[in-house]
Amino acid sequence: MAIEIKKENKSNLGSWIMILLIVVLGVWILFQFVRPVKLIHVPRPEDVLPQSSFELVQAQLDIQGVLQDPVFQTLSSHISWPPSEVPLGKPNPFRPF
C-alpha cells in the first residue's frame, strides 16, 4: 500500500482580492469613458427670467371683473352671431364639381 502525501491547498485570498480590485477598477474606468458628456449648460429658469415673470405665472384672472369693466362694455362686436345662413364653401369638399 502506497502512502500519498498531498500538499494542502492554501486559500489564495490575496489573489482573489487583487482580481476583484482589477475588475472594479476596469469597470470604473469603462464607465468614465462611456458616460455621456454635457456639451452645453442648461440654465435654470430662475437664472434667465426676471422676478416679474414669476409673478405673472402666479397671476389669477378675474373673469367677472373683466366682463363688468366699463371699457369692456363699450367695445363693439364686429361679427354677427349666430352666423348668417349663407353657406361658406361646398357642403362636401371631396365631391367633384
N, C-alpha and C. Protein backbone atom coordinates (compact mmCIF):
# COMPACT_ATOMS: atom_id res chain seq x y z
N MET A 1 0.83 -1.15 0.00
CA MET A 1 0.00 0.00 0.00
C MET A 1 0.90 1.23 0.00
N ALA A 2 0.46 2.18 -0.87
CA ALA A 2 1.26 3.39 -1.01
C ALA A 2 0.66 4.51 -0.16
N ILE A 3 1.50 5.31 0.34
CA ILE A 3 1.07 6.46 1.14
C ILE A 3 1.20 7.70 0.27
N GLU A 4 0.08 8.39 0.13
CA GLU A 4 0.08 9.61 -0.67
C GLU A 4 0.17 10.80 0.26
N ILE A 5 1.03 11.67 -0.09
CA ILE A 5 1.16 12.92 0.66
C ILE A 5 0.77 14.05 -0.29
N LYS A 6 -0.33 14.70 0.01
CA LYS A 6 -0.81 15.80 -0.82
C LYS A 6 -0.50 17.11 -0.14
N LYS A 7 -0.16 18.05 -0.99
CA LYS A 7 0.10 19.38 -0.48
C LYS A 7 -1.24 20.02 -0.12
N GLU A 8 -1.28 20.64 1.02
CA GLU A 8 -2.51 21.26 1.47
C GLU A 8 -2.81 22.49 0.60
N ASN A 9 -4.07 22.60 0.12
CA ASN A 9 -4.47 23.74 -0.71
C ASN A 9 -4.58 24.98 0.18
N LYS A 10 -3.81 25.97 -0.19
CA LYS A 10 -3.86 27.22 0.56
C LYS A 10 -4.94 28.10 -0.06
N SER A 11 -5.57 28.84 0.77
CA SER A 11 -6.56 29.79 0.28
C SER A 11 -5.83 31.00 -0.27
N ASN A 12 -6.04 31.27 -1.55
CA ASN A 12 -5.37 32.43 -2.13
C ASN A 12 -6.33 33.63 -2.08
N LEU A 13 -6.60 34.06 -0.88
CA LEU A 13 -7.48 35.21 -0.66
C LEU A 13 -6.86 36.47 -1.24
N GLY A 14 -5.58 36.61 -1.14
CA GLY A 14 -4.90 37.80 -1.67
C GLY A 14 -5.05 37.91 -3.18
N SER A 15 -4.97 36.79 -3.89
CA SER A 15 -5.12 36.85 -5.35
C SER A 15 -6.56 37.16 -5.73
N TRP A 16 -7.56 36.64 -4.99
CA TRP A 16 -8.95 36.97 -5.27
C TRP A 16 -9.24 38.45 -5.03
N ILE A 17 -8.68 38.99 -4.00
CA ILE A 17 -8.86 40.43 -3.72
C ILE A 17 -8.21 41.25 -4.83
N MET A 18 -7.05 40.83 -5.30
CA MET A 18 -6.36 41.55 -6.37
C MET A 18 -7.17 41.48 -7.67
N ILE A 19 -7.74 40.31 -8.00
CA ILE A 19 -8.57 40.16 -9.20
C ILE A 19 -9.83 41.03 -9.09
N LEU A 20 -10.46 41.00 -7.92
CA LEU A 20 -11.65 41.82 -7.70
C LEU A 20 -11.33 43.31 -7.82
N LEU A 21 -10.21 43.72 -7.30
CA LEU A 21 -9.79 45.12 -7.38
C LEU A 21 -9.55 45.53 -8.83
N ILE A 22 -8.93 44.64 -9.62
CA ILE A 22 -8.67 44.95 -11.03
C ILE A 22 -9.99 45.03 -11.80
N VAL A 23 -10.93 44.14 -11.51
CA VAL A 23 -12.23 44.17 -12.20
C VAL A 23 -13.00 45.43 -11.85
N VAL A 24 -13.03 45.80 -10.58
CA VAL A 24 -13.74 47.01 -10.16
C VAL A 24 -13.09 48.24 -10.78
N LEU A 25 -11.78 48.30 -10.79
CA LEU A 25 -11.08 49.43 -11.41
C LEU A 25 -11.35 49.49 -12.90
N GLY A 26 -11.39 48.35 -13.58
CA GLY A 26 -11.69 48.31 -15.01
C GLY A 26 -13.11 48.78 -15.32
N VAL A 27 -14.07 48.35 -14.50
CA VAL A 27 -15.46 48.79 -14.70
C VAL A 27 -15.58 50.29 -14.46
N TRP A 28 -14.91 50.80 -13.44
CA TRP A 28 -14.96 52.24 -13.15
C TRP A 28 -14.37 53.05 -14.31
N ILE A 29 -13.23 52.61 -14.84
CA ILE A 29 -12.60 53.31 -15.97
C ILE A 29 -13.49 53.23 -17.20
N LEU A 30 -14.13 52.08 -17.43
CA LEU A 30 -15.03 51.94 -18.58
C LEU A 30 -16.20 52.91 -18.47
N PHE A 31 -16.81 53.02 -17.30
CA PHE A 31 -17.93 53.93 -17.13
C PHE A 31 -17.50 55.39 -17.22
N GLN A 32 -16.27 55.69 -16.89
CA GLN A 32 -15.80 57.07 -17.04
C GLN A 32 -15.71 57.45 -18.51
N PHE A 33 -15.37 56.52 -19.38
CA PHE A 33 -15.27 56.81 -20.81
C PHE A 33 -16.61 56.72 -21.52
N VAL A 34 -17.54 55.89 -21.02
CA VAL A 34 -18.81 55.68 -21.69
C VAL A 34 -19.86 56.70 -21.24
N ARG A 35 -19.66 57.34 -20.11
CA ARG A 35 -20.61 58.29 -19.55
C ARG A 35 -20.84 59.44 -20.52
N PRO A 36 -22.12 59.86 -20.73
CA PRO A 36 -22.38 60.98 -21.63
C PRO A 36 -21.81 62.28 -21.08
N VAL A 37 -21.32 63.09 -21.98
CA VAL A 37 -20.69 64.35 -21.59
C VAL A 37 -21.65 65.48 -21.89
N LYS A 38 -21.81 66.40 -20.96
CA LYS A 38 -22.65 67.57 -21.19
C LYS A 38 -21.87 68.56 -22.02
N LEU A 39 -22.38 68.84 -23.23
CA LEU A 39 -21.71 69.79 -24.10
C LEU A 39 -22.17 71.21 -23.85
N ILE A 40 -23.42 71.37 -23.42
CA ILE A 40 -23.93 72.71 -23.14
C ILE A 40 -24.51 72.73 -21.73
N HIS A 41 -24.55 73.88 -21.16
CA HIS A 41 -25.12 74.07 -19.84
C HIS A 41 -26.57 74.50 -20.01
N VAL A 42 -27.49 73.76 -19.42
CA VAL A 42 -28.91 74.10 -19.48
C VAL A 42 -29.21 75.01 -18.29
N PRO A 43 -29.56 76.27 -18.57
CA PRO A 43 -29.80 77.19 -17.45
C PRO A 43 -31.12 76.90 -16.76
N ARG A 44 -31.19 77.26 -15.51
CA ARG A 44 -32.43 77.15 -14.76
C ARG A 44 -33.31 78.35 -15.10
N PRO A 45 -34.62 78.21 -15.03
CA PRO A 45 -35.50 79.35 -15.32
C PRO A 45 -35.25 80.53 -14.39
N GLU A 46 -34.85 80.27 -13.17
CA GLU A 46 -34.60 81.36 -12.23
C GLU A 46 -33.42 82.21 -12.66
N ASP A 47 -32.46 81.61 -13.38
CA ASP A 47 -31.29 82.35 -13.82
C ASP A 47 -31.59 83.23 -15.03
N VAL A 48 -32.55 82.84 -15.86
CA VAL A 48 -32.80 83.52 -17.12
C VAL A 48 -33.93 84.55 -17.00
N LEU A 49 -35.02 84.18 -16.36
CA LEU A 49 -36.19 85.04 -16.32
C LEU A 49 -36.12 86.02 -15.16
N PRO A 50 -36.64 87.23 -15.36
CA PRO A 50 -36.67 88.18 -14.24
C PRO A 50 -37.76 87.78 -13.23
N GLN A 51 -37.71 88.39 -12.07
CA GLN A 51 -38.64 88.06 -11.00
C GLN A 51 -40.08 88.39 -11.38
N SER A 52 -40.28 89.42 -12.20
CA SER A 52 -41.64 89.81 -12.57
C SER A 52 -42.34 88.72 -13.38
N SER A 53 -41.60 87.93 -14.13
CA SER A 53 -42.22 86.85 -14.91
C SER A 53 -42.80 85.78 -14.00
N PHE A 54 -42.18 85.53 -12.87
CA PHE A 54 -42.72 84.54 -11.94
C PHE A 54 -43.99 85.07 -11.27
N GLU A 55 -44.08 86.37 -11.12
CA GLU A 55 -45.31 86.95 -10.59
C GLU A 55 -46.44 86.79 -11.59
N LEU A 56 -46.14 86.88 -12.89
CA LEU A 56 -47.17 86.68 -13.91
C LEU A 56 -47.64 85.24 -13.96
N VAL A 57 -46.76 84.31 -13.72
CA VAL A 57 -47.14 82.89 -13.73
C VAL A 57 -48.15 82.62 -12.63
N GLN A 58 -48.01 83.29 -11.52
CA GLN A 58 -48.89 83.06 -10.38
C GLN A 58 -50.12 83.98 -10.40
N ALA A 59 -50.30 84.77 -11.46
CA ALA A 59 -51.42 85.70 -11.54
C ALA A 59 -52.74 84.95 -11.71
N GLN A 60 -53.80 85.49 -11.14
CA GLN A 60 -55.14 84.93 -11.25
C GLN A 60 -55.99 85.88 -12.09
N LEU A 61 -56.79 85.33 -13.00
CA LEU A 61 -57.64 86.13 -13.87
C LEU A 61 -59.04 86.20 -13.27
N ASP A 62 -59.54 87.41 -13.08
CA ASP A 62 -60.88 87.64 -12.56
C ASP A 62 -61.79 87.88 -13.77
N ILE A 63 -62.49 86.84 -14.21
CA ILE A 63 -63.30 86.93 -15.42
C ILE A 63 -64.49 87.85 -15.20
N GLN A 64 -65.13 87.77 -14.07
CA GLN A 64 -66.28 88.64 -13.82
C GLN A 64 -65.87 90.10 -13.74
N GLY A 65 -64.70 90.36 -13.21
CA GLY A 65 -64.20 91.74 -13.17
C GLY A 65 -63.95 92.28 -14.56
N VAL A 66 -63.49 91.44 -15.48
CA VAL A 66 -63.26 91.86 -16.86
C VAL A 66 -64.58 92.10 -17.56
N LEU A 67 -65.55 91.20 -17.38
CA LEU A 67 -66.84 91.35 -18.06
C LEU A 67 -67.61 92.56 -17.55
N GLN A 68 -67.44 92.94 -16.31
CA GLN A 68 -68.16 94.08 -15.74
C GLN A 68 -67.41 95.40 -15.93
N ASP A 69 -66.23 95.38 -16.50
CA ASP A 69 -65.44 96.59 -16.69
C ASP A 69 -66.12 97.50 -17.71
N PRO A 70 -66.20 98.82 -17.44
CA PRO A 70 -66.88 99.72 -18.39
C PRO A 70 -66.16 99.82 -19.73
N VAL A 71 -64.85 99.69 -19.77
CA VAL A 71 -64.13 99.74 -21.04
C VAL A 71 -64.50 98.53 -21.88
N PHE A 72 -64.62 97.37 -21.26
CA PHE A 72 -65.02 96.17 -21.98
C PHE A 72 -66.46 96.29 -22.48
N GLN A 73 -67.31 96.94 -21.70
CA GLN A 73 -68.70 97.11 -22.09
C GLN A 73 -68.85 98.01 -23.31
N THR A 74 -67.92 98.97 -23.51
CA THR A 74 -68.03 99.89 -24.64
C THR A 74 -67.49 99.29 -25.94
N LEU A 75 -66.85 98.16 -25.90
CA LEU A 75 -66.34 97.54 -27.13
C LEU A 75 -67.50 97.09 -27.99
N SER A 76 -67.33 97.25 -29.30
CA SER A 76 -68.40 96.83 -30.21
C SER A 76 -67.99 95.53 -30.90
N SER A 77 -68.99 94.71 -31.21
CA SER A 77 -68.75 93.43 -31.85
C SER A 77 -68.69 93.63 -33.35
N HIS A 78 -67.78 92.99 -34.02
CA HIS A 78 -67.64 93.08 -35.46
C HIS A 78 -68.10 91.81 -36.16
N ILE A 79 -68.70 90.92 -35.43
CA ILE A 79 -69.23 89.69 -36.02
C ILE A 79 -70.70 89.58 -35.67
N SER A 80 -71.43 88.85 -36.47
CA SER A 80 -72.84 88.61 -36.16
C SER A 80 -72.98 87.16 -35.69
N TRP A 81 -73.72 87.03 -34.62
CA TRP A 81 -73.91 85.69 -34.06
C TRP A 81 -75.37 85.45 -33.86
N PRO A 82 -75.92 84.41 -34.26
CA PRO A 82 -75.35 83.25 -34.95
C PRO A 82 -74.98 83.60 -36.38
N PRO A 83 -74.11 82.82 -36.98
CA PRO A 83 -73.65 83.13 -38.34
C PRO A 83 -74.82 83.16 -39.32
N SER A 84 -74.62 83.90 -40.40
CA SER A 84 -75.69 84.02 -41.41
C SER A 84 -75.93 82.68 -42.09
N GLU A 85 -77.03 82.59 -42.79
CA GLU A 85 -77.41 81.35 -43.45
C GLU A 85 -76.70 81.14 -44.77
N VAL A 86 -75.84 82.07 -45.17
CA VAL A 86 -75.11 81.94 -46.43
C VAL A 86 -74.05 80.85 -46.25
N PRO A 87 -74.10 79.78 -47.08
CA PRO A 87 -73.10 78.72 -46.91
C PRO A 87 -71.71 79.18 -47.35
N LEU A 88 -70.75 78.79 -46.63
CA LEU A 88 -69.36 79.11 -46.96
C LEU A 88 -68.71 77.86 -47.52
N GLY A 89 -68.48 77.82 -48.84
CA GLY A 89 -67.85 76.67 -49.46
C GLY A 89 -68.84 75.58 -49.80
N LYS A 90 -68.35 74.46 -50.27
CA LYS A 90 -69.18 73.35 -50.66
C LYS A 90 -69.54 72.51 -49.42
N PRO A 91 -70.74 71.91 -49.45
CA PRO A 91 -71.08 71.06 -48.30
C PRO A 91 -70.16 69.84 -48.21
N ASN A 92 -69.76 69.27 -49.35
CA ASN A 92 -68.86 68.12 -49.36
C ASN A 92 -67.64 68.52 -50.19
N PRO A 93 -66.53 68.87 -49.59
CA PRO A 93 -65.39 69.35 -50.37
C PRO A 93 -64.71 68.25 -51.19
N PHE A 94 -65.04 66.99 -50.94
CA PHE A 94 -64.39 65.91 -51.67
C PHE A 94 -65.17 65.49 -52.92
N ARG A 95 -66.39 65.98 -53.07
CA ARG A 95 -67.19 65.66 -54.25
C ARG A 95 -66.71 66.50 -55.42
N PRO A 96 -66.53 65.88 -56.60
CA PRO A 96 -66.05 66.68 -57.75
C PRO A 96 -67.11 67.70 -58.18
N PHE A 97 -66.68 68.71 -58.96
CA PHE A 97 -67.57 69.79 -59.38
C PHE A 97 -68.67 69.27 -60.19
